[in-house]
Amino acid sequence: MNSGELKIRGLQVWLSVALVAIIFVANPTRSHVVRRDIDVNELCGDKRLYFEEKKKCYPVLRQGPCGELMVLEPSQDDKNIGECNCQYVKGGGPTCAQRPKVFWEQESRCYYIYDQGPCEIGEWVVPQKDERPSCETIPCMDKYTARLQREYYNVGSGQFIFPRNGECYETLTTEGEFCLPTELVFFIGNDSLNLHCSRIGVCGLTFTRDTNCADGSSPDFQGGCEPVTAL
């Protein structure tokens, strides 16, 4: 073999090595050696969910392509596909008081129950069993308005006004005698119809009966009083 043939042979070997290297680098499925300890979405290649309507992948448990007060969750039929559901705090247990939300189909979003939401003035959103929620006249406008005007009012709080048998009551209280005298009445996030009772109603805070405290202090969660902190 003469020197010219050796040079050609060497060039062929070099090109072969370079081509293998290029293929190895360009093909991540061959070169990927990082171990995944998470469930990988077969459609998105990571922990995101595929949303059919947008033909895109979005982070799980985020609003993403969904309407207000909604999050993207795995579909019950296919964990790779995302579906929009009303958001609520999960993992809080059966004593975690929340204000449930219901899906309002006309606007493709969720609203809090027993709040005006999309309804006319003087009406609020009422959940219905096996039916869409509806707008109905508020039977206790004075009590409802007083709650709205209360200092530090938060529409998403687990404490709100609700109706039963033509009367209105407030959650996280003992009103209505729905529960034992030492228990609070409240709703949980994924149940807009049924009342729940427990001494623990604020996601782990133990309930104590109202205590009359002197000026400059307020009831604590141990049955006594504590100084009011001014920020």
Protein backbone atom coordinates (compact mmCIF):
# COMPACT_ATOMS: atom_id res chain seq x y z
CA MET A 1 0.00 0.00 0.00
CA ASN A 2 1.61 3.30 -1.10
CA SER A 3 1.55 6.61 0.78
CA GLY A 4 -1.39 7.93 -1.24
CA GLU A 5 -3.55 4.96 -0.35
CA LEU A 6 -2.57 5.31 3.32
CA LYS A 7 -3.68 8.94 3.34
CA ILE A 8 -7.03 8.07 1.76
CA ARG A 9 -7.51 5.17 4.19
CA GLY A 10 -6.71 7.42 7.17
CA LEU A 11 -9.12 10.07 5.94
CA GLN A 12 -11.90 7.47 5.67
CA VAL A 13 -11.28 6.31 9.25
CA TRP A 14 -11.30 9.90 10.52
CA LEU A 15 -14.56 10.67 8.72
CA SER A 16 -16.17 7.53 10.13
CA VAL A 17 -15.25 8.49 13.70
CA ALA A 18 -16.46 12.04 13.19
CA LEU A 19 -19.77 10.84 11.74
CA VAL A 20 -20.37 8.52 14.70
CA ALA A 21 -19.63 11.39 17.08
CA ILE A 22 -22.05 13.68 15.25
CA ILE A 23 -24.82 11.09 15.33
CA PHE A 24 -24.23 10.46 19.04
CA VAL A 25 -24.40 14.16 19.89
CA ALA A 26 -27.35 14.88 17.57
CA ASN A 27 -29.42 12.04 18.93
CA PRO A 28 -30.20 12.79 22.60
CA THR A 29 -32.16 9.57 23.00
CA ARG A 30 -28.92 7.67 22.53
CA SER A 31 -26.69 9.91 24.61
CA HIS A 32 -29.14 10.63 27.47
CA VAL A 33 -27.86 8.99 30.63
CA VAL A 34 -29.65 11.08 33.31
CA ARG A 35 -32.01 8.97 35.39
CA ARG A 36 -35.58 10.23 35.75
CA ASP A 37 -37.36 9.51 39.01
CA ILE A 38 -40.57 11.27 37.95
CA ASP A 39 -43.52 10.29 35.80
CA VAL A 40 -42.81 11.47 32.27
CA ASN A 41 -45.71 12.55 30.10
CA GLU A 42 -45.57 10.45 26.95
CA LEU A 43 -46.83 13.33 24.82
CA CYS A 44 -44.84 16.21 26.29
CA GLY A 45 -41.64 14.43 27.34
CA ASP A 46 -41.69 15.95 30.84
CA LYS A 47 -44.14 16.59 33.72
CA ARG A 48 -46.33 18.96 31.70
CA LEU A 49 -49.77 17.99 30.43
CA TYR A 50 -50.97 18.07 26.84
CA PHE A 51 -54.01 20.32 26.33
CA GLU A 52 -55.96 19.21 23.28
CA GLU A 53 -57.74 22.49 22.54
CA LYS A 54 -54.47 24.43 22.26
CA LYS A 55 -52.35 21.54 20.93
CA LYS A 56 -49.68 22.52 23.48
CA CYS A 57 -48.15 21.30 26.74
CA TYR A 58 -48.62 23.23 30.00
CA PRO A 59 -47.36 22.87 33.61
CA VAL A 60 -49.58 20.75 35.84
CA LEU A 61 -51.63 22.42 38.61
CA ARG A 62 -51.22 25.87 37.06
CA GLN A 63 -53.88 28.00 35.39
CA GLY A 64 -52.20 27.65 32.00
CA PRO A 65 -54.90 27.66 29.30
CA CYS A 66 -57.76 27.44 31.81
CA GLY A 67 -60.19 30.11 32.94
CA GLU A 68 -60.14 32.13 36.15
CA LEU A 69 -59.98 30.17 39.43
CA MET A 70 -59.13 26.99 37.51
CA VAL A 71 -56.06 24.76 37.22
CA LEU A 72 -54.87 22.18 34.72
CA GLU A 73 -55.03 18.64 36.11
CA PRO A 74 -54.48 15.15 34.64
CA SER A 75 -57.57 13.75 32.99
CA GLN A 76 -59.15 10.74 34.71
CA ASP A 77 -59.15 8.94 31.37
CA ASP A 78 -55.55 9.69 30.38
CA LYS A 79 -52.90 11.05 32.75
CA ASN A 80 -51.01 12.53 29.78
CA ILE A 81 -53.95 14.79 28.87
CA GLY A 82 -54.81 17.90 30.87
CA GLU A 83 -58.29 19.10 31.78
CA CYS A 84 -59.40 22.31 33.47
CA ASN A 85 -61.03 22.04 36.91
CA CYS A 86 -61.98 24.50 39.62
CA GLN A 87 -59.02 24.94 41.96
CA TYR A 88 -59.07 24.10 45.66
CA VAL A 89 -56.52 23.28 48.36
CA LYS A 90 -55.84 19.56 48.29
CA GLY A 91 -54.33 17.58 51.10
CA GLY A 92 -55.88 19.76 53.78
CA GLY A 93 -58.02 16.89 55.03
CA PRO A 94 -61.72 16.76 55.86
CA THR A 95 -61.42 19.58 58.40
CA CYS A 96 -59.85 22.14 56.04
CA ALA A 97 -62.46 24.88 55.60
CA GLN A 98 -62.58 26.39 52.13
CA ARG A 99 -65.02 28.30 49.96
CA PRO A 100 -65.91 25.94 47.10
CA LYS A 101 -66.04 27.08 43.49
CA VAL A 102 -68.35 25.97 40.70
CA PHE A 103 -67.84 25.94 36.95
CA TRP A 104 -69.76 28.61 35.03
CA GLU A 105 -70.07 27.19 31.54
CA GLN A 106 -71.16 30.44 29.87
CA GLU A 107 -67.77 32.00 30.63
CA SER A 108 -65.61 28.84 30.85
CA ARG A 109 -64.37 29.75 34.32
CA CYS A 110 -65.18 29.14 37.99
CA TYR A 111 -66.85 31.34 40.59
CA TYR A 112 -67.12 31.14 44.37
CA ILE A 113 -70.43 29.84 45.70
CA TYR A 114 -72.78 32.32 47.38
CA ASP A 115 -70.99 35.29 45.86
CA GLN A 116 -72.38 37.69 43.24
CA GLY A 117 -69.97 36.46 40.57
CA PRO A 118 -71.61 36.80 37.13
CA CYS A 119 -75.08 37.43 38.59
CA GLU A 120 -77.09 40.63 38.79
CA ILE A 121 -76.91 42.91 41.83
CA GLY A 122 -78.90 41.30 44.63
CA GLU A 123 -78.21 37.77 43.36
CA TRP A 124 -75.54 35.19 44.08
CA VAL A 125 -74.19 31.95 42.61
CA VAL A 126 -76.00 28.91 44.00
CA PRO A 127 -74.66 25.35 43.43
CA GLN A 128 -77.14 22.75 42.23
CA LYS A 129 -77.07 18.98 42.55
CA ASP A 130 -76.58 17.32 39.16
CA GLU A 131 -77.26 20.63 37.41
CA ARG A 132 -75.43 23.78 36.44
CA PRO A 133 -75.12 26.48 39.12
CA SER A 134 -77.65 29.28 38.89
CA CYS A 135 -78.16 32.90 39.90
CA GLU A 136 -80.73 33.31 42.67
CA THR A 137 -81.93 36.20 44.82
CA ILE A 138 -79.94 36.64 48.03
CA PRO A 139 -82.43 35.97 50.87
CA CYS A 140 -80.44 37.94 53.46
CA MET A 141 -79.03 40.99 51.69
CA ASP A 142 -78.27 42.89 54.90
CA LYS A 143 -76.21 40.07 56.39
CA TYR A 144 -74.46 39.40 53.07
CA THR A 145 -73.59 43.09 52.61
CA ALA A 146 -72.34 43.38 56.19
CA ARG A 147 -69.96 40.49 55.56
CA LEU A 148 -68.63 42.19 52.40
CA GLN A 149 -67.98 45.40 54.33
CA ARG A 150 -66.14 43.68 57.15
CA GLU A 151 -62.52 44.73 57.59
CA TYR A 152 -60.01 42.46 55.82
CA TYR A 153 -62.81 40.75 53.86
CA ASN A 154 -61.46 38.18 51.40
CA VAL A 155 -63.82 36.57 48.89
CA GLY A 156 -61.70 33.41 48.89
CA SER A 157 -61.86 32.95 52.66
CA GLY A 158 -63.47 29.85 54.10
CA GLN A 159 -65.72 32.12 56.18
CA PHE A 160 -68.77 33.36 54.24
CA ILE A 161 -72.57 33.62 54.32
CA PHE A 162 -74.64 30.66 53.12
CA PRO A 163 -78.39 29.86 53.04
CA ARG A 164 -80.32 26.97 54.54
CA ASN A 165 -84.12 26.62 54.66
CA GLY A 166 -84.77 30.27 53.90
CA GLU A 167 -82.34 31.57 56.55
CA CYS A 168 -78.70 32.67 56.24
CA TYR A 169 -75.77 31.63 58.40
CA GLU A 170 -72.02 32.20 58.53
CA THR A 171 -69.47 29.44 58.18
CA LEU A 172 -66.77 28.94 60.82
CA THR A 173 -69.30 29.76 63.53
CA THR A 174 -71.81 27.80 65.60
CA GLU A 175 -74.79 29.50 63.97
CA GLY A 176 -77.75 27.36 63.02
CA GLU A 177 -76.99 24.52 65.39
CA PHE A 178 -75.91 22.32 62.50
CA CYS A 179 -73.12 20.89 64.66
CA LEU A 180 -72.35 20.15 68.28
CA PRO A 181 -71.98 23.24 70.51
CA THR A 182 -68.18 22.91 70.45
CA GLU A 183 -67.93 22.52 66.69
CA LEU A 184 -67.78 24.84 63.68
CA VAL A 185 -69.85 24.50 60.55
CA PHE A 186 -68.00 24.86 57.25
CA PHE A 187 -67.58 23.72 53.65
CA ILE A 188 -64.61 21.92 52.10
CA GLY A 189 -63.06 22.75 48.75
CA ASN A 190 -64.44 19.96 46.57
CA ASP A 191 -67.96 19.82 48.03
CA SER A 192 -70.23 22.78 47.31
CA LEU A 193 -73.41 21.17 48.66
CA ASN A 194 -72.78 19.56 52.06
CA LEU A 195 -71.99 21.08 55.44
CA HIS A 196 -69.20 19.72 57.62
CA CYS A 197 -68.58 19.96 61.35
CA SER A 198 -65.39 19.85 63.40
CA ARG A 199 -63.48 21.58 66.18
CA ILE A 200 -60.76 22.09 63.58
CA GLY A 201 -62.02 24.21 60.74
CA VAL A 202 -59.16 26.34 59.45
CA CYS A 203 -56.79 23.76 58.00
CA GLY A 204 -55.29 22.67 61.29
CA LEU A 205 -56.23 25.50 63.70
CA THR A 206 -58.19 24.24 66.69
CA PHE A 207 -61.49 26.04 67.29
CA THR A 208 -62.30 27.57 70.67
CA ARG A 209 -65.52 29.30 71.65
CA ASP A 210 -65.75 33.08 71.37
CA THR A 211 -64.14 34.83 74.30
CA ASN A 212 -64.90 38.38 75.47
CA CYS A 213 -61.55 40.13 75.48
CA ALA A 214 -60.62 43.58 76.71
CA ASP A 215 -59.80 46.43 74.35
CA GLY A 216 -56.45 45.97 72.68
CA SER A 217 -56.69 42.18 72.66
CA SER A 218 -58.56 39.51 70.73
CA PRO A 219 -59.47 35.83 71.20
CA ASP A 220 -56.69 33.35 70.51
CA PHE A 221 -57.01 29.70 69.56
CA GLN A 222 -56.39 28.43 73.08
CA GLY A 223 -59.53 29.86 74.69
CA GLY A 224 -57.86 32.99 76.03
CA CYS A 225 -56.93 36.45 74.76
CA GLU A 226 -53.84 37.82 73.08
CA PRO A 227 -52.67 41.39 72.37
CA VAL A 228 -53.64 42.83 69.01
CA THR A 229 -50.51 43.43 66.96
CA ALA A 230 -50.52 46.71 65.01
CA LEU A 231 -48.52 46.52 61.80
